[in-house]
Structures are given as C-alpha cells and as structure tokens.
Amino acid sequence: MSDSRPTDNLNVIKDWKAGKNARNHRGTLWADGPVLWSQHHKIGHRTEAGVCVIADLALDDVPGNYNAQVTLMHIHLAKRYADTVFHQLVCESSPLFMKELPF
C-alpha cells in the first residue's frame, strides 16, 4: 500500500468502492485490493463483480488496549457506501471474511 497518497476516511472508502488502493493519514483505514481494513480488522470486501460488502462487527472481544471506537466509526461510515451489510454472525461463516477457506 505504499504506492498510494494519504487521504481522508471518506475518500479511502470511495476509492475502495471504485476498486482502488487508498489509505488515510493515520494508517488506521486502508483499501488493499478488494479488502477494506480498519486497524488490522477486515471490515469490507469488494467482490469480483464489484459488490461492496461491509462487516457490521460488534468488536466485543477486542483487547482493552485496542481503540474499538475508531474501527466502529470506520464501519459506520463505510456502511453508507456499501452495497450490502453483513451481520457479524454472517461474517463469521462467510468465505468473504474467513481467514482461510474451510476446504
């Protein structure tokens, strides 16, 4: 992601929706290929067909030193531009948000 210039959060999300790489000034939100990241949490996935899916995460299980409010703010902003929003339980079983494929 070192090839993109820093921008604001809104433009990171718009660039992700358009299939472009982007990052914010603090390095807390970035689009890398089809994936939208917030503080090392995968919060979005753009499919090959261009459908943008956001994970509506609760972040109840994050460590105490993690600023969950920043990621929740990123999710809230991204939900406004996503084509669909997956509930956290759907994300946990969806291949789009799994760390590895189940087979």
PDB file of N, CA and C in Angstrom:
ATOM      1  N   MET A   1       0.806  -1.200   0.000  1.00  0.00           N
ATOM      2  CA  MET A   1       0.000   0.000   0.000  1.00  0.00           C
ATOM      3  C   MET A   1       0.848   1.262   0.000  1.00  0.00           C
ATOM      4  N   SER A   2       2.128   1.169  -0.149  1.00  0.00           N
ATOM      5  CA  SER A   2       2.979   2.344  -0.102  1.00  0.00           C
ATOM      6  C   SER A   2       2.867   3.185  -1.365  1.00  0.00           C
ATOM      7  N   ASP A   3       2.152   2.718  -2.379  1.00  0.00           N
ATOM      8  CA  ASP A   3       2.059   3.457  -3.630  1.00  0.00           C
ATOM      9  C   ASP A   3       0.937   4.490  -3.636  1.00  0.00           C
ATOM     10  N   SER A   4       0.123   4.558  -2.610  1.00  0.00           N
ATOM     11  CA  SER A   4      -0.990   5.499  -2.601  1.00  0.00           C
ATOM     12  C   SER A   4      -0.698   6.658  -1.643  1.00  0.00           C
ATOM     13  N   ARG A   5      -1.201   7.832  -1.997  1.00  0.00           N
ATOM     14  CA  ARG A   5      -1.041   9.010  -1.153  1.00  0.00           C
ATOM     15  C   ARG A   5      -2.112   8.999  -0.078  1.00  0.00           C
ATOM     16  N   PRO A   6      -1.796   9.479   1.105  1.00  0.00           N
ATOM     17  CA  PRO A   6      -2.804   9.529   2.171  1.00  0.00           C
ATOM     18  C   PRO A   6      -3.975  10.448   1.803  1.00  0.00           C
ATOM     19  N   THR A   7      -5.143  10.077   2.241  1.00  0.00           N
ATOM     20  CA  THR A   7      -6.347  10.857   2.005  1.00  0.00           C
ATOM     21  C   THR A   7      -7.233  10.764   3.245  1.00  0.00           C
ATOM     22  N   ASP A   8      -8.418  11.320   3.195  1.00  0.00           N
ATOM     23  CA  ASP A   8      -9.317  11.232   4.345  1.00  0.00           C
ATOM     24  C   ASP A   8     -10.112   9.926   4.295  1.00  0.00           C
ATOM     25  N   ASN A   9     -10.799   9.622   5.395  1.00  0.00           N
ATOM     26  CA  ASN A   9     -11.529   8.356   5.518  1.00  0.00           C
ATOM     27  C   ASN A   9     -12.582   8.186   4.425  1.00  0.00           C
ATOM     28  N   LEU A  10     -13.315   9.240   4.140  1.00  0.00           N
ATOM     29  CA  LEU A  10     -14.367   9.149   3.127  1.00  0.00           C
ATOM     30  C   LEU A  10     -13.796   8.765   1.770  1.00  0.00           C
ATOM     31  N   ASN A  11     -12.689   9.354   1.390  1.00  0.00           N
ATOM     32  CA  ASN A  11     -12.103   9.040   0.087  1.00  0.00           C
ATOM     33  C   ASN A  11     -11.441   7.663   0.063  1.00  0.00           C
ATOM     34  N   VAL A  12     -10.973   7.175   1.202  1.00  0.00           N
ATOM     35  CA  VAL A  12     -10.489   5.790   1.257  1.00  0.00           C
ATOM     36  C   VAL A  12     -11.633   4.847   0.902  1.00  0.00           C
ATOM     37  N   ILE A  13     -12.791   5.080   1.492  1.00  0.00           N
ATOM     38  CA  ILE A  13     -13.949   4.217   1.246  1.00  0.00           C
ATOM     39  C   ILE A  13     -14.441   4.357  -0.195  1.00  0.00           C
ATOM     40  N   LYS A  14     -14.477   5.563  -0.708  1.00  0.00           N
ATOM     41  CA  LYS A  14     -14.896   5.761  -2.102  1.00  0.00           C
ATOM     42  C   LYS A  14     -13.913   5.097  -3.068  1.00  0.00           C
ATOM     43  N   ASP A  15     -12.615   5.196  -2.771  1.00  0.00           N
ATOM     44  CA  ASP A  15     -11.618   4.543  -3.625  1.00  0.00           C
ATOM     45  C   ASP A  15     -11.758   3.030  -3.560  1.00  0.00           C
ATOM     46  N   TRP A  16     -11.987   2.486  -2.359  1.00  0.00           N
ATOM     47  CA  TRP A  16     -12.197   1.043  -2.207  1.00  0.00           C
ATOM     48  C   TRP A  16     -13.401   0.607  -3.038  1.00  0.00           C
ATOM     49  N   LYS A  17     -14.481   1.361  -2.968  1.00  0.00           N
ATOM     50  CA  LYS A  17     -15.690   1.027  -3.733  1.00  0.00           C
ATOM     51  C   LYS A  17     -15.416   1.043  -5.233  1.00  0.00           C
ATOM     52  N   ALA A  18     -14.492   1.919  -5.663  1.00  0.00           N
ATOM     53  CA  ALA A  18     -14.127   2.012  -7.080  1.00  0.00           C
ATOM     54  C   ALA A  18     -13.036   1.012  -7.460  1.00  0.00           C
ATOM     55  N   GLY A  19     -12.582   0.202  -6.513  1.00  0.00           N
ATOM     56  CA  GLY A  19     -11.569  -0.809  -6.804  1.00  0.00           C
ATOM     57  C   GLY A  19     -10.142  -0.298  -6.757  1.00  0.00           C
ATOM     58  N   LYS A  20      -9.922   0.816  -6.076  1.00  0.00           N
ATOM     59  CA  LYS A  20      -8.579   1.407  -5.989  1.00  0.00           C
ATOM     60  C   LYS A  20      -7.997   1.239  -4.581  1.00  0.00           C
ATOM     61  N   ASN A  21      -6.680   1.210  -4.506  1.00  0.00           N
ATOM     62  CA  ASN A  21      -5.996   1.194  -3.220  1.00  0.00           C
ATOM     63  C   ASN A  21      -5.968   2.602  -2.647  1.00  0.00           C
ATOM     64  N   ALA A  22      -6.063   2.711  -1.326  1.00  0.00           N
ATOM     65  CA  ALA A  22      -6.021   4.015  -0.663  1.00  0.00           C
ATOM     66  C   ALA A  22      -5.725   3.812   0.814  1.00  0.00           C
ATOM     67  N   ARG A  23      -5.284   4.887   1.476  1.00  0.00           N
ATOM     68  CA  ARG A  23      -5.058   4.834   2.924  1.00  0.00           C
ATOM     69  C   ARG A  23      -5.295   6.217   3.509  1.00  0.00           C
ATOM     70  N   ASN A  24      -5.662   6.243   4.790  1.00  0.00           N
ATOM     71  CA  ASN A  24      -5.841   7.537   5.434  1.00  0.00           C
ATOM     72  C   ASN A  24      -4.508   8.019   6.014  1.00  0.00           C
ATOM     73  N   HIS A  25      -4.504   9.228   6.537  1.00  0.00           N
ATOM     74  CA  HIS A  25      -3.276   9.848   7.033  1.00  0.00           C
ATOM     75  C   HIS A  25      -2.682   9.119   8.230  1.00  0.00           C
ATOM     76  N   ARG A  26      -3.508   8.565   9.085  1.00  0.00           N
ATOM     77  CA  ARG A  26      -3.024   7.886  10.296  1.00  0.00           C
ATOM     78  C   ARG A  26      -2.670   6.419  10.069  1.00  0.00           C
ATOM     79  N   GLY A  27      -3.038   5.895   8.916  1.00  0.00           N
ATOM     80  CA  GLY A  27      -2.770   4.492   8.643  1.00  0.00           C
ATOM     81  C   GLY A  27      -3.705   3.548   9.377  1.00  0.00           C
ATOM     82  N   THR A  28      -4.858   4.057   9.800  1.00  0.00           N
ATOM     83  CA  THR A  28      -5.822   3.220  10.517  1.00  0.00           C
ATOM     84  C   THR A  28      -6.911   2.670   9.615  1.00  0.00           C
ATOM     85  N   LEU A  29      -7.057   3.230   8.419  1.00  0.00           N
ATOM     86  CA  LEU A  29      -8.050   2.765   7.448  1.00  0.00           C
ATOM     87  C   LEU A  29      -7.374   2.695   6.095  1.00  0.00           C
ATOM     88  N   TRP A  30      -7.485   1.534   5.440  1.00  0.00           N
ATOM     89  CA  TRP A  30      -6.874   1.410   4.120  1.00  0.00           C
ATOM     90  C   TRP A  30      -7.592   0.365   3.284  1.00  0.00           C
ATOM     91  N   ALA A  31      -7.515   0.579   1.976  1.00  0.00           N
ATOM     92  CA  ALA A  31      -8.052  -0.363   0.990  1.00  0.00           C
ATOM     93  C   ALA A  31      -6.862  -0.979   0.281  1.00  0.00           C
ATOM     94  N   ASP A  32      -6.818  -2.281   0.296  1.00  0.00           N
ATOM     95  CA  ASP A  32      -5.724  -3.016  -0.338  1.00  0.00           C
ATOM     96  C   ASP A  32      -6.338  -4.077  -1.229  1.00  0.00           C
ATOM     97  N   GLY A  33      -6.391  -3.793  -2.514  1.00  0.00           N
ATOM     98  CA  GLY A  33      -7.084  -4.697  -3.426  1.00  0.00           C
ATOM     99  C   GLY A  33      -8.564  -4.695  -3.083  1.00  0.00           C
ATOM    100  N   PRO A  34      -9.172  -5.863  -2.955  1.00  0.00           N
ATOM    101  CA  PRO A  34     -10.607  -5.909  -2.686  1.00  0.00           C
ATOM    102  C   PRO A  34     -10.970  -5.743  -1.199  1.00  0.00           C
ATOM    103  N   VAL A  35      -9.976  -5.630  -0.330  1.00  0.00           N
ATOM    104  CA  VAL A  35     -10.229  -5.643   1.110  1.00  0.00           C
ATOM    105  C   VAL A  35     -10.130  -4.241   1.703  1.00  0.00           C
ATOM    106  N   LEU A  36     -11.088  -3.920   2.576  1.00  0.00           N
ATOM    107  CA  LEU A  36     -11.067  -2.679   3.344  1.00  0.00           C
ATOM    108  C   LEU A  36     -10.697  -3.035   4.778  1.00  0.00           C
ATOM    109  N   TRP A  37      -9.646  -2.393   5.280  1.00  0.00           N
ATOM    110  CA  TRP A  37      -9.109  -2.689   6.612  1.00  0.00           C
ATOM    111  C   TRP A  37      -9.265  -1.497   7.543  1.00  0.00           C
ATOM    112  N   SER A  38      -9.520  -1.792   8.814  1.00  0.00           N
ATOM    113  CA  SER A  38      -9.504  -0.777   9.859  1.00  0.00           C
ATOM    114  C   SER A  38      -8.701  -1.342  11.018  1.00  0.00           C
ATOM    115  N   GLN A  39      -7.552  -0.751  11.279  1.00  0.00           N
ATOM    116  CA  GLN A  39      -6.696  -1.182  12.383  1.00  0.00           C
ATOM    117  C   GLN A  39      -6.483  -2.702  12.388  1.00  0.00           C
ATOM    118  N   HIS A  40      -6.193  -3.261  11.246  1.00  0.00           N
ATOM    119  CA  HIS A  40      -5.904  -4.685  11.052  1.00  0.00           C
ATOM    120  C   HIS A  40      -7.123  -5.585  11.217  1.00  0.00           C
ATOM    121  N   HIS A  41      -8.323  -5.000  11.197  1.00  0.00           N
ATOM    122  CA  HIS A  41      -9.561  -5.781  11.135  1.00  0.00           C
ATOM    123  C   HIS A  41     -10.104  -5.656   9.717  1.00  0.00           C
ATOM    124  N   LYS A  42     -10.430  -6.784   9.116  1.00  0.00           N
ATOM    125  CA  LYS A  42     -11.060  -6.752   7.797  1.00  0.00           C
ATOM    126  C   LYS A  42     -12.507  -6.332   7.998  1.00  0.00           C
ATOM    127  N   ILE A  43     -12.861  -5.154   7.483  1.00  0.00           N
ATOM    128  CA  ILE A  43     -14.228  -4.657   7.666  1.00  0.00           C
ATOM    129  C   ILE A  43     -15.018  -4.634   6.361  1.00  0.00           C
ATOM    130  N   GLY A  44     -14.344  -4.861   5.237  1.00  0.00           N
ATOM    131  CA  GLY A  44     -15.062  -4.834   3.971  1.00  0.00           C
ATOM    132  C   GLY A  44     -14.402  -5.688   2.916  1.00  0.00           C
ATOM    133  N   HIS A  45     -15.221  -6.144   1.978  1.00  0.00           N
ATOM    134  CA  HIS A  45     -14.717  -6.938   0.858  1.00  0.00           C
ATOM    135  C   HIS A  45     -15.472  -6.517  -0.401  1.00  0.00           C
ATOM    136  N   ARG A  46     -14.720  -6.278  -1.465  1.00  0.00           N
ATOM    137  CA  ARG A  46     -15.299  -5.965  -2.781  1.00  0.00           C
ATOM    138  C   ARG A  46     -15.164  -7.214  -3.638  1.00  0.00           C
ATOM    139  N   THR A  47     -16.286  -7.745  -4.092  1.00  0.00           N
ATOM    140  CA  THR A  47     -16.257  -8.970  -4.880  1.00  0.00           C
ATOM    141  C   THR A  47     -15.747  -8.689  -6.286  1.00  0.00           C
ATOM    142  N   GLU A  48     -15.473  -9.758  -7.025  1.00  0.00           N
ATOM    143  CA  GLU A  48     -15.027  -9.606  -8.417  1.00  0.00           C
ATOM    144  C   GLU A  48     -16.081  -8.903  -9.269  1.00  0.00           C
ATOM    145  N   ALA A  49     -17.337  -9.028  -8.879  1.00  0.00           N
ATOM    146  CA  ALA A  49     -18.422  -8.362  -9.606  1.00  0.00           C
ATOM    147  C   ALA A  49     -18.578  -6.898  -9.184  1.00  0.00           C
ATOM    148  N   GLY A  50     -17.790  -6.453  -8.209  1.00  0.00           N
ATOM    149  CA  GLY A  50     -17.837  -5.065  -7.769  1.00  0.00           C
ATOM    150  C   GLY A  50     -18.828  -4.788  -6.653  1.00  0.00           C
ATOM    151  N   VAL A  51     -19.371  -5.841  -6.039  1.00  0.00           N
ATOM    152  CA  VAL A  51     -20.305  -5.668  -4.924  1.00  0.00           C
ATOM    153  C   VAL A  51     -19.496  -5.427  -3.654  1.00  0.00           C
ATOM    154  N   CYS A  52     -19.778  -4.326  -2.971  1.00  0.00           N
ATOM    155  CA  CYS A  52     -19.042  -3.962  -1.757  1.00  0.00           C
ATOM    156  C   CYS A  52     -19.838  -4.378  -0.523  1.00  0.00           C
ATOM    157  N   VAL A  53     -19.209  -5.241   0.285  1.00  0.00           N
ATOM    158  CA  VAL A  53     -19.845  -5.804   1.471  1.00  0.00           C
ATOM    159  C   VAL A  53     -19.104  -5.304   2.705  1.00  0.00           C
ATOM    160  N   ILE A  54     -19.840  -4.802   3.675  1.00  0.00           N
ATOM    161  CA  ILE A  54     -19.265  -4.344   4.940  1.00  0.00           C
ATOM    162  C   ILE A  54     -19.677  -5.293   6.051  1.00  0.00           C
ATOM    163  N   ALA A  55     -18.725  -5.573   6.924  1.00  0.00           N
ATOM    164  CA  ALA A  55     -18.986  -6.412   8.102  1.00  0.00           C
ATOM    165  C   ALA A  55     -19.436  -5.518   9.247  1.00  0.00           C
ATOM    166  N   ASP A  56     -20.638  -5.740   9.734  1.00  0.00           N
ATOM    167  CA  ASP A  56     -21.166  -4.956  10.852  1.00  0.00           C
ATOM    168  C   ASP A  56     -20.716  -5.618  12.155  1.00  0.00           C
ATOM    169  N   LEU A  57     -19.474  -5.370  12.517  1.00  0.00           N
ATOM    170  CA  LEU A  57     -18.854  -6.023  13.669  1.00  0.00           C
ATOM    171  C   LEU A  57     -19.212  -5.328  14.970  1.00  0.00           C
ATOM    172  N   ALA A  58     -19.319  -6.099  16.041  1.00  0.00           N
ATOM    173  CA  ALA A  58     -19.587  -5.538  17.363  1.00  0.00           C
ATOM    174  C   ALA A  58     -18.281  -5.248  18.108  1.00  0.00           C
ATOM    175  N   LEU A  59     -17.218  -5.994  17.804  1.00  0.00           N
ATOM    176  CA  LEU A  59     -15.898  -5.831  18.430  1.00  0.00           C
ATOM    177  C   LEU A  59     -15.945  -5.978  19.944  1.00  0.00           C
ATOM    178  N   ASP A  60     -16.776  -6.899  20.422  1.00  0.00           N
ATOM    179  CA  ASP A  60     -16.887  -7.148  21.861  1.00  0.00           C
ATOM    180  C   ASP A  60     -15.678  -7.875  22.431  1.00  0.00           C
ATOM    181  N   ASP A  61     -14.925  -8.560  21.574  1.00  0.00           N
ATOM    182  CA  ASP A  61     -13.846  -9.428  22.056  1.00  0.00           C
ATOM    183  C   ASP A  61     -12.452  -8.840  21.822  1.00  0.00           C
ATOM    184  N   VAL A  62     -12.343  -7.534  21.623  1.00  0.00           N
ATOM    185  CA  VAL A  62     -11.037  -6.938  21.368  1.00  0.00           C
ATOM    186  C   VAL A  62     -10.316  -6.649  22.678  1.00  0.00           C
ATOM    187  N   PRO A  63      -8.978  -6.664  22.672  1.00  0.00           N
ATOM    188  CA  PRO A  63      -8.220  -6.382  23.892  1.00  0.00           C
ATOM    189  C   PRO A  63      -8.483  -4.970  24.404  1.00  0.00           C
ATOM    190  N   GLY A  64      -8.255  -4.759  25.678  1.00  0.00           N
ATOM    191  CA  GLY A  64      -8.510  -3.466  26.319  1.00  0.00           C
ATOM    192  C   GLY A  64      -7.686  -2.326  25.757  1.00  0.00           C
ATOM    193  N   ASN A  65      -6.507  -2.628  25.213  1.00  0.00           N
ATOM    194  CA  ASN A  65      -5.654  -1.562  24.687  1.00  0.00           C
ATOM    195  C   ASN A  65      -6.007  -1.198  23.237  1.00  0.00           C
ATOM    196  N   TYR A  66      -7.011  -1.819  22.684  1.00  0.00           N
ATOM    197  CA  TYR A  66      -7.426  -1.585  21.296  1.00  0.00           C
ATOM    198  C   TYR A  66      -8.528  -0.527  21.280  1.00  0.00           C
ATOM    199  N   ASN A  67      -8.408   0.455  20.429  1.00  0.00           N
ATOM    200  CA  ASN A  67      -9.409   1.513  20.312  1.00  0.00           C
ATOM    201  C   ASN A  67     -10.513   1.066  19.357  1.00  0.00           C
ATOM    202  N   ALA A  68     -11.492   0.361  19.875  1.00  0.00           N
ATOM    203  CA  ALA A  68     -12.583  -0.165  19.061  1.00  0.00           C
ATOM    204  C   ALA A  68     -13.439   0.950  18.470  1.00  0.00           C
ATOM    205  N   GLN A  69     -13.493   2.104  19.121  1.00  0.00           N
ATOM    206  CA  GLN A  69     -14.328   3.203  18.628  1.00  0.00           C
ATOM    207  C   GLN A  69     -13.890   3.670  17.246  1.00  0.00           C
ATOM    208  N   VAL A  70     -12.586   3.630  16.985  1.00  0.00           N
ATOM    209  CA  VAL A  70     -12.092   4.049  15.665  1.00  0.00           C
ATOM    210  C   VAL A  70     -12.617   3.100  14.586  1.00  0.00           C
ATOM    211  N   THR A  71     -12.491   1.800  14.828  1.00  0.00           N
ATOM    212  CA  THR A  71     -12.981   0.821  13.848  1.00  0.00           C
ATOM    213  C   THR A  71     -14.495   0.902  13.701  1.00  0.00           C
ATOM    214  N   LEU A  72     -15.216   1.085  14.797  1.00  0.00           N
ATOM    215  CA  LEU A  72     -16.671   1.216  14.708  1.00  0.00           C
ATOM    216  C   LEU A  72     -17.061   2.454  13.897  1.00  0.00           C
ATOM    217  N   MET A  73     -16.305   3.544  14.028  1.00  0.00           N
ATOM    218  CA  MET A  73     -16.558   4.734  13.234  1.00  0.00           C
ATOM    219  C   MET A  73     -16.309   4.454  11.748  1.00  0.00           C
ATOM    220  N   HIS A  74     -15.228   3.716  11.444  1.00  0.00           N
ATOM    221  CA  HIS A  74     -14.944   3.358  10.052  1.00  0.00           C
ATOM    222  C   HIS A  74     -16.070   2.501   9.476  1.00  0.00           C
ATOM    223  N   ILE A  75     -16.544   1.531  10.252  1.00  0.00           N
ATOM    224  CA  ILE A  75     -17.643   0.665   9.807  1.00  0.00           C
ATOM    225  C   ILE A  75     -18.893   1.499   9.541  1.00  0.00           C
ATOM    226  N   HIS A  76     -19.216   2.387  10.464  1.00  0.00           N
ATOM    227  CA  HIS A  76     -20.414   3.228  10.312  1.00  0.00           C
ATOM    228  C   HIS A  76     -20.333   4.057   9.030  1.00  0.00           C
ATOM    229  N   LEU A  77     -19.188   4.641   8.750  1.00  0.00           N
ATOM    230  CA  LEU A  77     -19.017   5.429   7.532  1.00  0.00           C
ATOM    231  C   LEU A  77     -19.109   4.552   6.287  1.00  0.00           C
ATOM    232  N   ALA A  78     -18.454   3.394   6.316  1.00  0.00           N
ATOM    233  CA  ALA A  78     -18.441   2.502   5.155  1.00  0.00           C
ATOM    234  C   ALA A  78     -19.822   1.927   4.859  1.00  0.00           C
ATOM    235  N   LYS A  79     -20.641   1.720   5.875  1.00  0.00           N
ATOM    236  CA  LYS A  79     -21.984   1.184   5.663  1.00  0.00           C
ATOM    237  C   LYS A  79     -22.821   2.103   4.774  1.00  0.00           C
ATOM    238  N   ARG A  80     -22.534   3.394   4.803  1.00  0.00           N
ATOM    239  CA  ARG A  80     -23.277   4.350   3.976  1.00  0.00           C
ATOM    240  C   ARG A  80     -22.991   4.166   2.494  1.00  0.00           C
ATOM    241  N   TYR A  81     -21.856   3.575   2.152  1.00  0.00           N
ATOM    242  CA  TYR A  81     -21.450   3.426   0.746  1.00  0.00           C
ATOM    243  C   TYR A  81     -21.448   1.979   0.275  1.00  0.00           C
ATOM    244  N   ALA A  82     -21.670   1.041   1.169  1.00  0.00           N
ATOM    245  CA  ALA A  82     -21.654  -0.379   0.809  1.00  0.00           C
ATOM    246  C   ALA A  82     -22.915  -0.757   0.039  1.00  0.00           C
ATOM    247  N   ASP A  83     -22.782  -1.808  -0.757  1.00  0.00           N
ATOM    248  CA  ASP A  83     -23.943  -2.353  -1.456  1.00  0.00           C
ATOM    249  C   ASP A  83     -24.760  -3.244  -0.534  1.00  0.00           C
ATOM    250  N   THR A  84     -24.093  -3.875   0.424  1.00  0.00           N
ATOM    251  CA  THR A  84     -24.776  -4.710   1.398  1.00  0.00           C
ATOM    252  C   THR A  84     -23.958  -4.746   2.688  1.00  0.00           C
ATOM    253  N   VAL A  85     -24.636  -5.040   3.782  1.00  0.00           N
ATOM    254  CA  VAL A  85     -24.007  -5.109   5.098  1.00  0.00           C
ATOM    255  C   VAL A  85     -24.282  -6.481   5.677  1.00  0.00           C
ATOM    256  N   PHE A  86     -23.228  -7.157   6.096  1.00  0.00           N
ATOM    257  CA  PHE A  86     -23.366  -8.470   6.720  1.00  0.00           C
ATOM    258  C   PHE A  86     -23.328  -8.316   8.240  1.00  0.00           C
ATOM    259  N   HIS A  87     -24.279  -8.928   8.916  1.00  0.00           N
ATOM    260  CA  HIS A  87     -24.262  -9.019  10.377  1.00  0.00           C
ATOM    261  C   HIS A  87     -23.011  -9.786  10.802  1.00  0.00           C
ATOM    262  N   GLN A  88     -22.529  -9.549  12.000  1.00  0.00           N
ATOM    263  CA  GLN A  88     -21.315 -10.209  12.478  1.00  0.00           C
ATOM    264  C   GLN A  88     -21.413 -11.731  12.388  1.00  0.00           C
ATOM    265  N   LEU A  89     -22.569 -12.308  12.708  1.00  0.00           N
ATOM    266  CA  LEU A  89     -22.723 -13.768  12.641  1.00  0.00           C
ATOM    267  C   LEU A  89     -22.615 -14.278  11.205  1.00  0.00           C
ATOM    268  N   VAL A  90     -23.098 -13.496  10.251  1.00  0.00           N
ATOM    269  CA  VAL A  90     -22.976 -13.880   8.840  1.00  0.00           C
ATOM    270  C   VAL A  90     -21.508 -13.813   8.423  1.00  0.00           C
ATOM    271  N   CYS A  91     -20.814 -12.771   8.868  1.00  0.00           N
ATOM    272  CA  CYS A  91     -19.388 -12.621   8.544  1.00  0.00           C
ATOM    273  C   CYS A  91     -18.571 -13.798   9.049  1.00  0.00           C
ATOM    274  N   GLU A  92     -18.906 -14.283  10.228  1.00  0.00           N
ATOM    275  CA  GLU A  92     -18.151 -15.385  10.822  1.00  0.00           C
ATOM    276  C   GLU A  92     -18.247 -16.667  10.018  1.00  0.00           C
ATOM    277  N   SER A  93     -19.287 -16.805   9.187  1.00  0.00           N
ATOM    278  CA  SER A  93     -19.432 -18.018   8.384  1.00  0.00           C
ATOM    279  C   SER A  93     -19.293 -17.768   6.884  1.00  0.00           C
ATOM    280  N   SER A  94     -19.061 -16.523   6.496  1.00  0.00           N
ATOM    281  CA  SER A  94     -18.942 -16.196   5.078  1.00  0.00           C
ATOM    282  C   SER A  94     -17.510 -16.357   4.581  1.00  0.00           C
ATOM    283  N   PRO A  95     -17.320 -16.994   3.426  1.00  0.00           N
ATOM    284  CA  PRO A  95     -15.972 -17.108   2.855  1.00  0.00           C
ATOM    285  C   PRO A  95     -15.328 -15.742   2.583  1.00  0.00           C
ATOM    286  N   LEU A  96     -16.132 -14.698   2.412  1.00  0.00           N
ATOM    287  CA  LEU A  96     -15.570 -13.370   2.171  1.00  0.00           C
ATOM    288  C   LEU A  96     -14.779 -12.848   3.366  1.00  0.00           C
ATOM    289  N   PHE A  97     -15.125 -13.295   4.564  1.00  0.00           N
ATOM    290  CA  PHE A  97     -14.494 -12.764   5.768  1.00  0.00           C
ATOM    291  C   PHE A  97     -13.715 -13.808   6.560  1.00  0.00           C
ATOM    292  N   MET A  98     -13.591 -15.024   6.034  1.00  0.00           N
ATOM    293  CA  MET A  98     -12.798 -16.052   6.711  1.00  0.00           C
ATOM    294  C   MET A  98     -11.321 -15.828   6.458  1.00  0.00           C
ATOM    295  N   LYS A  99     -10.515 -16.147   7.454  1.00  0.00           N
ATOM    296  CA  LYS A  99      -9.067 -16.023   7.290  1.00  0.00           C
ATOM    297  C   LYS A  99      -8.531 -17.084   6.344  1.00  0.00           C
ATOM    298  N   GLU A 100      -9.179 -18.209   6.303  1.00  0.00           N
ATOM    299  CA  GLU A 100      -8.801 -19.255   5.367  1.00  0.00           C
ATOM    300  C   GLU A 100     -10.050 -19.983   4.923  1.00  0.00           C
ATOM    301  N   LEU A 101      -9.993 -20.572   3.760  1.00  0.00           N
ATOM    302  CA  LEU A 101     -11.149 -21.292   3.240  1.00  0.00           C
ATOM    303  C   LEU A 101     -11.395 -22.567   4.025  1.00  0.00           C
ATOM    304  N   PRO A 102     -12.664 -22.928   4.220  1.00  0.00           N
ATOM    305  CA  PRO A 102     -12.999 -24.101   5.045  1.00  0.00           C
ATOM    306  C   PRO A 102     -12.691 -25.432   4.366  1.00  0.00           C
ATOM    307  N   PHE A 103     -12.252 -25.439   3.129  1.00  0.00           N
ATOM    308  CA  PHE A 103     -11.946 -26.703   2.446  1.00  0.00           C
ATOM    309  C   PHE A 103     -10.757 -26.540   1.545  1.00  0.00           C
TER     310      PHE A 103
END
